[in-house]
Protein backbone atom coordinates (compact mmCIF):
# COMPACT_ATOMS: atom_id res chain seq x y z
CA MET A 1 14.10 -6.27 11.73
CA SER A 2 10.75 -7.87 10.97
CA VAL A 3 7.54 -6.30 9.66
CA ASP A 4 6.06 -6.58 13.16
CA ALA A 5 9.11 -4.83 14.64
CA TYR A 6 8.77 -2.04 12.05
CA PHE A 7 5.17 -1.45 13.12
CA ALA A 8 6.05 -1.65 16.82
CA ALA A 9 8.70 1.05 16.41
CA LEU A 10 6.30 3.59 14.88
CA PRO A 11 4.63 6.36 16.87
CA GLU A 12 1.04 5.56 17.88
CA VAL A 13 -0.90 7.44 15.16
CA PRO A 14 1.01 6.21 12.09
CA ARG A 15 1.22 2.74 13.64
CA ALA A 16 -2.57 2.62 13.96
CA GLN A 17 -3.07 3.78 10.38
CA LEU A 18 -0.51 1.45 8.85
CA THR A 19 -1.83 -1.47 10.91
CA ALA A 20 -5.29 -0.76 9.47
CA VAL A 21 -3.85 -0.57 5.93
CA ARG A 22 -2.03 -3.86 6.53
CA ALA A 23 -5.36 -5.47 7.46
CA VAL A 24 -6.96 -4.08 4.27
CA LEU A 25 -4.11 -5.53 2.19
CA GLN A 26 -4.45 -8.92 3.85
CA ASP A 27 -8.25 -8.88 3.43
CA ALA A 28 -7.98 -7.86 -0.24
CA ALA A 29 -5.52 -10.66 -0.95
CA LYS A 30 -7.69 -13.18 0.89
CA ALA A 31 -10.84 -12.06 -0.96
CA ALA A 32 -9.01 -12.41 -4.29
CA ASN A 33 -7.45 -15.75 -3.23
CA ILE A 34 -3.92 -14.36 -3.62
CA PRO A 35 -1.16 -15.54 -1.28
CA LEU A 36 0.96 -12.71 0.13
CA SER A 37 4.42 -12.70 1.59
CA GLU A 38 5.44 -9.99 4.05
CA SER A 39 9.00 -8.72 4.33
CA LEU A 40 10.95 -5.50 4.63
CA LYS A 41 12.17 -3.94 1.36
CA TRP A 42 14.22 -0.76 1.57
CA GLY A 43 13.32 -0.65 5.27
CA GLN A 44 9.58 -0.61 4.55
CA PRO A 45 6.92 -3.30 4.97
CA SER A 46 6.30 -5.00 1.63
CA PHE A 47 3.30 -7.15 0.80
CA ALA A 48 4.05 -9.23 -2.27
CA PRO A 49 1.84 -11.52 -4.33
CA PRO A 50 3.41 -14.24 -6.48
CA ARG A 51 5.74 -12.47 -8.94
CA LYS A 52 3.94 -13.68 -12.06
CA LEU A 53 0.62 -12.43 -10.74
CA GLY A 54 1.17 -8.92 -9.46
CA THR A 55 3.38 -6.26 -7.94
CA PRO A 56 4.12 -5.63 -4.27
CA VAL A 57 2.64 -2.85 -2.17
CA ARG A 58 4.91 -1.15 0.33
CA LEU A 59 3.88 1.04 3.25
CA SER A 60 5.82 3.90 4.73
CA TRP A 61 5.82 6.67 7.30
CA SER A 62 8.66 9.09 7.93
CA GLU A 63 9.47 11.78 10.46
CA LYS A 64 10.40 13.94 7.44
CA SER A 65 6.73 13.78 6.31
CA PRO A 66 4.92 13.14 9.59
CA ASP A 67 1.41 14.08 8.44
CA TYR A 68 0.80 11.15 6.12
CA CYS A 69 1.61 7.54 5.39
CA ALA A 70 2.44 6.31 1.91
CA PHE A 71 0.99 3.42 -0.09
CA LEU A 72 3.74 2.63 -2.61
CA VAL A 73 4.02 0.50 -5.74
CA HIS A 74 6.78 0.00 -8.29
CA CYS A 75 7.30 3.26 -10.20
CA GLN A 76 7.32 1.53 -13.60
CA THR A 77 3.73 0.33 -13.25
CA THR A 78 0.75 2.36 -14.43
CA LEU A 79 -1.10 1.84 -11.17
CA VAL A 80 -0.75 5.33 -9.69
CA GLU A 81 -1.85 6.83 -13.01
CA SER A 82 -4.93 4.58 -12.97
CA TRP A 83 -5.69 5.57 -9.39
CA ARG A 84 -5.42 9.26 -10.31
CA HIS A 85 -8.11 8.70 -12.94
CA MET A 86 -10.28 6.65 -10.60
CA TYR A 87 -9.98 8.69 -7.41
CA GLY A 88 -8.85 12.16 -8.51
CA ALA A 89 -8.59 14.58 -5.60
CA ARG A 90 -9.54 11.93 -3.05
CA PHE A 91 -5.79 11.34 -2.66
CA THR A 92 -2.54 13.18 -3.18
CA TYR A 93 0.05 11.39 -5.25
CA ASP A 94 3.82 11.15 -5.47
CA GLY A 95 4.70 10.77 -9.14
CA THR A 96 4.19 7.21 -10.36
CA ARG A 97 5.07 5.52 -7.09
CA ALA A 98 2.80 6.49 -4.20
CA VAL A 99 -0.53 7.57 -2.83
CA HIS A 100 -0.45 9.63 0.36
CA LEU A 101 -2.82 8.78 3.21
CA PRO A 102 -3.22 11.77 5.56
CA LEU A 103 -3.12 10.79 9.22
CA ALA A 104 -5.80 13.39 10.02
CA SER A 105 -8.35 11.77 7.67
CA SER A 106 -10.35 8.59 7.95
CA LEU A 107 -8.92 5.68 6.03
CA PRO A 108 -10.64 5.07 2.65
CA GLU A 109 -10.74 1.30 3.11
CA ASP A 110 -12.93 0.65 0.06
CA ALA A 111 -10.51 2.45 -2.25
CA LEU A 112 -7.46 0.85 -0.64
CA HIS A 113 -9.03 -2.59 -1.03
CA GLN A 114 -9.56 -1.97 -4.74
CA MET A 115 -6.06 -0.54 -5.13
CA ALA A 116 -4.55 -3.57 -3.42
CA VAL A 117 -6.41 -6.01 -5.65
CA MET A 118 -5.26 -4.05 -8.70
CA ALA A 119 -1.63 -4.19 -7.55
CA PHE A 120 -1.75 -7.85 -6.55
CA ASN A 121 -3.22 -8.73 -10.01
CA TYR A 122 -1.21 -6.20 -12.01
CA ARG A 123 0.79 -8.61 -14.18
CA ALA A 124 -2.10 -11.04 -14.66
CA ALA A 125 -4.37 -8.17 -15.77
CA LYS A 126 -1.83 -7.02 -18.37
CA THR A 127 -1.82 -10.36 -20.20
């Protein structure tokens, strides 16, 4: 299955939200001059910068949690902790691996753009 096929198989509302998040990720990478590769990892769309530069962002929606989509990063990064400090109650969080994006709320594109740039530059920013 391809990333496009993953999106096509989603119900309309999560497909619309994740398509919008995908566009934010692509725009953030373009604005930061970071090449991205798209693939499926663990059955989820993954948007990966060059390995030495940053960490991938994965997107997810599940029938088990149908009210939100997830914006996921590697659990061993400090990104979700940083986002908790930056955005507080603006989001709900899943440990050190995800930010939840409620389907009933408007998409916080400005925050997602900043989060994407942080993820895509994660390793470069640590050095």
